[in-house]
Amino acid sequence: MSLFSKKRSVGRPSIGITKKVSLTLTKDDWEQFDAQAKSNRSLFLRKIIVKALNEEDSSENR
């Protein structure tokens, strides 16, 4: 391997752009959110957002 050759990526591949956001919810809402997220908040929130965006696209195409 050459000293200047491109290194292979390590870890799982990126699925998109990461942007940090702040979300304020009541204690009860956070408890419900965490219960439904089952310890993976990012994945749970991503699924909710993608579903909502797809539903919005579907309703606009009617």
C-alpha atoms as a PDB file:
ATOM      1  CA  MET A   1       0.000   0.000   0.000  1.00  0.00           C
ATOM      2  CA  SER A   2       1.368   3.368  -1.023  1.00  0.00           C
ATOM      3  CA  LEU A   3       1.863   6.051   1.601  1.00  0.00           C
ATOM      4  CA  PHE A   4      -0.487   8.364  -0.319  1.00  0.00           C
ATOM      5  CA  SER A   5      -3.177   5.883  -1.327  1.00  0.00           C
ATOM      6  CA  LYS A   6      -6.764   6.590  -0.324  1.00  0.00           C
ATOM      7  CA  LYS A   7      -7.810   4.819   2.876  1.00  0.00           C
ATOM      8  CA  ARG A   8     -10.938   2.709   2.986  1.00  0.00           C
ATOM      9  CA  SER A   9     -13.758   3.940   5.194  1.00  0.00           C
ATOM     10  CA  VAL A  10     -14.135   2.342   8.582  1.00  0.00           C
ATOM     11  CA  GLY A  11     -17.466   1.789  10.309  1.00  0.00           C
ATOM     12  CA  ARG A  12     -20.979   1.901   8.997  1.00  0.00           C
ATOM     13  CA  PRO A  13     -21.662   4.028   5.919  1.00  0.00           C
ATOM     14  CA  SER A  14     -23.234   7.457   6.301  1.00  0.00           C
ATOM     15  CA  ILE A  15     -26.941   7.676   5.493  1.00  0.00           C
ATOM     16  CA  GLY A  16     -27.083  11.441   5.157  1.00  0.00           C
ATOM     17  CA  ILE A  17     -26.185  14.797   6.611  1.00  0.00           C
ATOM     18  CA  THR A  18     -26.095  15.197  10.388  1.00  0.00           C
ATOM     19  CA  LYS A  19     -27.653  18.342  11.838  1.00  0.00           C
ATOM     20  CA  LYS A  20     -28.035  18.912  15.548  1.00  0.00           C
ATOM     21  CA  VAL A  21     -31.422  20.105  16.811  1.00  0.00           C
ATOM     22  CA  SER A  22     -32.929  20.822  20.196  1.00  0.00           C
ATOM     23  CA  LEU A  23     -36.365  19.492  21.078  1.00  0.00           C
ATOM     24  CA  THR A  24     -38.375  20.604  24.102  1.00  0.00           C
ATOM     25  CA  LEU A  25     -41.103  18.271  25.353  1.00  0.00           C
ATOM     26  CA  THR A  26     -42.879  17.806  28.654  1.00  0.00           C
ATOM     27  CA  LYS A  27     -41.591  15.127  31.021  1.00  0.00           C
ATOM     28  CA  ASP A  28     -44.588  12.934  30.161  1.00  0.00           C
ATOM     29  CA  ASP A  29     -43.986  13.377  26.424  1.00  0.00           C
ATOM     30  CA  TRP A  30     -40.291  12.434  26.836  1.00  0.00           C
ATOM     31  CA  GLU A  31     -41.274   9.328  28.791  1.00  0.00           C
ATOM     32  CA  GLN A  32     -43.716   8.292  26.065  1.00  0.00           C
ATOM     33  CA  PHE A  33     -41.144   9.103  23.369  1.00  0.00           C
ATOM     34  CA  ASP A  34     -38.462   7.014  25.099  1.00  0.00           C
ATOM     35  CA  ALA A  35     -40.874   4.117  25.641  1.00  0.00           C
ATOM     36  CA  GLN A  36     -41.763   4.037  21.950  1.00  0.00           C
ATOM     37  CA  ALA A  37     -38.181   4.650  20.789  1.00  0.00           C
ATOM     38  CA  LYS A  38     -36.956   1.552  22.647  1.00  0.00           C
ATOM     39  CA  SER A  39     -33.510   3.080  23.402  1.00  0.00           C
ATOM     40  CA  ASN A  40     -32.792   4.391  19.887  1.00  0.00           C
ATOM     41  CA  ARG A  41     -34.124   7.946  19.740  1.00  0.00           C
ATOM     42  CA  SER A  42     -32.382   8.829  16.470  1.00  0.00           C
ATOM     43  CA  LEU A  43     -33.766   5.881  14.541  1.00  0.00           C
ATOM     44  CA  PHE A  44     -37.253   6.375  15.982  1.00  0.00           C
ATOM     45  CA  LEU A  45     -37.311  10.085  15.142  1.00  0.00           C
ATOM     46  CA  ARG A  46     -35.905   9.460  11.651  1.00  0.00           C
ATOM     47  CA  LYS A  47     -38.702   6.929  10.964  1.00  0.00           C
ATOM     48  CA  ILE A  48     -41.365   9.384  12.165  1.00  0.00           C
ATOM     49  CA  ILE A  49     -39.973  12.189   9.994  1.00  0.00           C
ATOM     50  CA  VAL A  50     -39.590  10.043   6.865  1.00  0.00           C
ATOM     51  CA  LYS A  51     -43.121   8.663   7.290  1.00  0.00           C
ATOM     52  CA  ALA A  52     -44.576  12.167   7.699  1.00  0.00           C
ATOM     53  CA  LEU A  53     -42.668  13.474   4.677  1.00  0.00           C
ATOM     54  CA  ASN A  54     -43.830  10.540   2.539  1.00  0.00           C
ATOM     55  CA  GLU A  55     -47.443  11.060   3.641  1.00  0.00           C
ATOM     56  CA  GLU A  56     -47.158  14.756   2.774  1.00  0.00           C
ATOM     57  CA  ASP A  57     -45.811  13.895  -0.691  1.00  0.00           C
ATOM     58  CA  SER A  58     -48.657  11.420  -1.226  1.00  0.00           C
ATOM     59  CA  SER A  59     -51.332  13.939  -0.257  1.00  0.00           C
ATOM     60  CA  GLU A  60     -49.842  16.585  -2.579  1.00  0.00           C
ATOM     61  CA  ASN A  61     -49.921  14.163  -5.528  1.00  0.00           C
ATOM     62  CA  ARG A  62     -53.668  13.468  -5.238  1.00  0.00           C
END
